[in-house]
Amino acid sequence: MYFSTIDIIATGNRIKELRLKNNLSVAEVALELGLSAPQTVYKWERGVSLPSIDNIFLLAELFGVTVNELVQLR
Protein backbone atom coordinates (compact mmCIF):
# COMPACT_ATOMS: atom_id res chain seq x y z
CA MET A 1 0.00 0.00 0.00
CA TYR A 2 1.30 3.47 -0.93
CA PHE A 3 0.66 6.60 1.11
CA SER A 4 1.33 10.08 -0.16
CA THR A 5 3.56 12.31 1.93
CA ILE A 6 3.93 16.06 1.98
CA ASP A 7 6.78 17.32 -0.18
CA ILE A 8 8.23 19.97 2.14
CA ILE A 9 10.32 21.67 -0.58
CA ALA A 10 7.53 21.78 -3.16
CA THR A 11 5.06 23.03 -0.54
CA GLY A 12 7.48 25.79 0.44
CA ASN A 13 7.87 26.77 -3.19
CA ARG A 14 4.08 26.82 -3.56
CA ILE A 15 3.69 29.07 -0.51
CA LYS A 16 6.21 31.51 -1.97
CA GLU A 17 4.56 31.36 -5.41
CA LEU A 18 1.13 32.12 -3.94
CA ARG A 19 2.49 34.86 -1.70
CA LEU A 20 4.09 36.62 -4.67
CA LYS A 21 0.99 36.08 -6.84
CA ASN A 22 -1.06 37.81 -4.14
CA ASN A 23 1.45 40.68 -3.87
CA LEU A 24 2.12 40.01 -0.19
CA SER A 25 5.39 40.45 1.65
CA VAL A 26 6.63 37.85 4.10
CA ALA A 27 5.95 40.34 6.90
CA GLU A 28 2.36 40.78 5.72
CA VAL A 29 1.76 37.02 5.69
CA ALA A 30 3.24 36.71 9.19
CA LEU A 31 1.00 39.55 10.40
CA GLU A 32 -2.14 38.05 8.84
CA LEU A 33 -1.42 34.70 10.51
CA GLY A 34 -0.55 36.26 13.86
CA LEU A 35 3.02 34.96 13.80
CA SER A 36 5.56 36.56 16.10
CA ALA A 37 8.30 36.65 13.46
CA PRO A 38 8.45 36.65 9.64
CA GLN A 39 11.34 34.17 9.84
CA THR A 40 8.74 31.43 10.26
CA VAL A 41 7.36 32.15 6.78
CA TYR A 42 10.89 32.18 5.35
CA LYS A 43 11.47 28.72 6.89
CA TRP A 44 8.32 27.41 5.22
CA GLU A 45 9.32 28.88 1.87
CA ARG A 46 12.81 27.35 2.05
CA GLY A 47 11.42 23.95 3.00
CA VAL A 48 13.07 23.97 6.42
CA SER A 49 9.75 23.40 8.19
CA LEU A 50 6.06 23.00 7.46
CA PRO A 51 3.23 25.17 8.75
CA SER A 52 1.02 23.69 11.45
CA ILE A 53 -2.31 22.33 10.26
CA ASP A 54 -3.98 25.50 11.59
CA ASN A 55 -1.61 27.68 9.58
CA ILE A 56 -2.08 25.55 6.47
CA PHE A 57 -5.81 26.30 6.59
CA LEU A 58 -5.15 30.00 7.25
CA LEU A 59 -2.66 30.20 4.36
CA ALA A 60 -5.12 28.52 2.00
CA GLU A 61 -7.80 31.02 3.00
CA LEU A 62 -5.42 33.98 2.73
CA PHE A 63 -4.31 32.92 -0.76
CA GLY A 64 -7.80 31.93 -1.93
CA VAL A 65 -6.92 28.31 -2.66
CA THR A 66 -7.88 24.93 -1.24
CA VAL A 67 -5.61 23.05 1.12
CA ASN A 68 -5.05 20.52 -1.69
CA GLU A 69 -3.88 23.33 -3.97
CA LEU A 70 -1.49 24.60 -1.28
CA VAL A 71 0.07 21.41 0.07
CA GLN A 72 2.16 19.52 -2.47
CA LEU A 73 2.36 15.74 -2.18
CA ARG A 74 4.81 13.21 -3.52
C-alpha atoms as a PDB file:
ATOM      1  CA  MET A   1       0.000   0.000   0.000  1.00  0.00           C
ATOM      2  CA  TYR A   2       1.298   3.468  -0.934  1.00  0.00           C
ATOM      3  CA  PHE A   3       0.662   6.603   1.114  1.00  0.00           C
ATOM      4  CA  SER A   4       1.335  10.082  -0.160  1.00  0.00           C
ATOM      5  CA  THR A   5       3.560  12.310   1.932  1.00  0.00           C
ATOM      6  CA  ILE A   6       3.933  16.062   1.983  1.00  0.00           C
ATOM      7  CA  ASP A   7       6.777  17.319  -0.178  1.00  0.00           C
ATOM      8  CA  ILE A   8       8.227  19.975   2.136  1.00  0.00           C
ATOM      9  CA  ILE A   9      10.324  21.673  -0.577  1.00  0.00           C
ATOM     10  CA  ALA A  10       7.526  21.778  -3.157  1.00  0.00           C
ATOM     11  CA  THR A  11       5.062  23.029  -0.536  1.00  0.00           C
ATOM     12  CA  GLY A  12       7.477  25.794   0.443  1.00  0.00           C
ATOM     13  CA  ASN A  13       7.866  26.767  -3.191  1.00  0.00           C
ATOM     14  CA  ARG A  14       4.079  26.819  -3.556  1.00  0.00           C
ATOM     15  CA  ILE A  15       3.685  29.070  -0.509  1.00  0.00           C
ATOM     16  CA  LYS A  16       6.206  31.507  -1.972  1.00  0.00           C
ATOM     17  CA  GLU A  17       4.562  31.364  -5.406  1.00  0.00           C
ATOM     18  CA  LEU A  18       1.127  32.120  -3.944  1.00  0.00           C
ATOM     19  CA  ARG A  19       2.488  34.865  -1.698  1.00  0.00           C
ATOM     20  CA  LEU A  20       4.085  36.621  -4.670  1.00  0.00           C
ATOM     21  CA  LYS A  21       0.991  36.081  -6.842  1.00  0.00           C
ATOM     22  CA  ASN A  22      -1.065  37.814  -4.144  1.00  0.00           C
ATOM     23  CA  ASN A  23       1.453  40.676  -3.869  1.00  0.00           C
ATOM     24  CA  LEU A  24       2.121  40.006  -0.188  1.00  0.00           C
ATOM     25  CA  SER A  25       5.392  40.448   1.650  1.00  0.00           C
ATOM     26  CA  VAL A  26       6.634  37.852   4.098  1.00  0.00           C
ATOM     27  CA  ALA A  27       5.954  40.337   6.904  1.00  0.00           C
ATOM     28  CA  GLU A  28       2.355  40.777   5.717  1.00  0.00           C
ATOM     29  CA  VAL A  29       1.763  37.017   5.690  1.00  0.00           C
ATOM     30  CA  ALA A  30       3.244  36.711   9.186  1.00  0.00           C
ATOM     31  CA  LEU A  31       1.003  39.550  10.403  1.00  0.00           C
ATOM     32  CA  GLU A  32      -2.136  38.051   8.844  1.00  0.00           C
ATOM     33  CA  LEU A  33      -1.420  34.700  10.511  1.00  0.00           C
ATOM     34  CA  GLY A  34      -0.547  36.256  13.861  1.00  0.00           C
ATOM     35  CA  LEU A  35       3.016  34.956  13.796  1.00  0.00           C
ATOM     36  CA  SER A  36       5.557  36.555  16.104  1.00  0.00           C
ATOM     37  CA  ALA A  37       8.300  36.650  13.457  1.00  0.00           C
ATOM     38  CA  PRO A  38       8.445  36.646   9.643  1.00  0.00           C
ATOM     39  CA  GLN A  39      11.342  34.167   9.836  1.00  0.00           C
ATOM     40  CA  THR A  40       8.737  31.434  10.258  1.00  0.00           C
ATOM     41  CA  VAL A  41       7.365  32.154   6.781  1.00  0.00           C
ATOM     42  CA  TYR A  42      10.892  32.176   5.346  1.00  0.00           C
ATOM     43  CA  LYS A  43      11.471  28.717   6.889  1.00  0.00           C
ATOM     44  CA  TRP A  44       8.318  27.412   5.225  1.00  0.00           C
ATOM     45  CA  GLU A  45       9.316  28.881   1.869  1.00  0.00           C
ATOM     46  CA  ARG A  46      12.811  27.352   2.049  1.00  0.00           C
ATOM     47  CA  GLY A  47      11.421  23.951   2.998  1.00  0.00           C
ATOM     48  CA  VAL A  48      13.070  23.974   6.424  1.00  0.00           C
ATOM     49  CA  SER A  49       9.750  23.397   8.193  1.00  0.00           C
ATOM     50  CA  LEU A  50       6.056  22.996   7.462  1.00  0.00           C
ATOM     51  CA  PRO A  51       3.234  25.170   8.750  1.00  0.00           C
ATOM     52  CA  SER A  52       1.024  23.694  11.449  1.00  0.00           C
ATOM     53  CA  ILE A  53      -2.310  22.335  10.258  1.00  0.00           C
ATOM     54  CA  ASP A  54      -3.985  25.502  11.588  1.00  0.00           C
ATOM     55  CA  ASN A  55      -1.607  27.682   9.578  1.00  0.00           C
ATOM     56  CA  ILE A  56      -2.082  25.548   6.471  1.00  0.00           C
ATOM     57  CA  PHE A  57      -5.805  26.301   6.592  1.00  0.00           C
ATOM     58  CA  LEU A  58      -5.147  30.000   7.249  1.00  0.00           C
ATOM     59  CA  LEU A  59      -2.665  30.200   4.360  1.00  0.00           C
ATOM     60  CA  ALA A  60      -5.122  28.518   2.003  1.00  0.00           C
ATOM     61  CA  GLU A  61      -7.803  31.018   2.999  1.00  0.00           C
ATOM     62  CA  LEU A  62      -5.422  33.981   2.730  1.00  0.00           C
ATOM     63  CA  PHE A  63      -4.311  32.924  -0.759  1.00  0.00           C
ATOM     64  CA  GLY A  64      -7.803  31.932  -1.926  1.00  0.00           C
ATOM     65  CA  VAL A  65      -6.920  28.309  -2.663  1.00  0.00           C
ATOM     66  CA  THR A  66      -7.876  24.933  -1.240  1.00  0.00           C
ATOM     67  CA  VAL A  67      -5.607  23.045   1.122  1.00  0.00           C
ATOM     68  CA  ASN A  68      -5.048  20.517  -1.689  1.00  0.00           C
ATOM     69  CA  GLU A  69      -3.875  23.326  -3.968  1.00  0.00           C
ATOM     70  CA  LEU A  70      -1.492  24.597  -1.275  1.00  0.00           C
ATOM     71  CA  VAL A  71       0.069  21.408   0.067  1.00  0.00           C
ATOM     72  CA  GLN A  72       2.159  19.520  -2.470  1.00  0.00           C
ATOM     73  CA  LEU A  73       2.359  15.743  -2.178  1.00  0.00           C
ATOM     74  CA  ARG A  74       4.812  13.213  -3.521  1.00  0.00           C
END
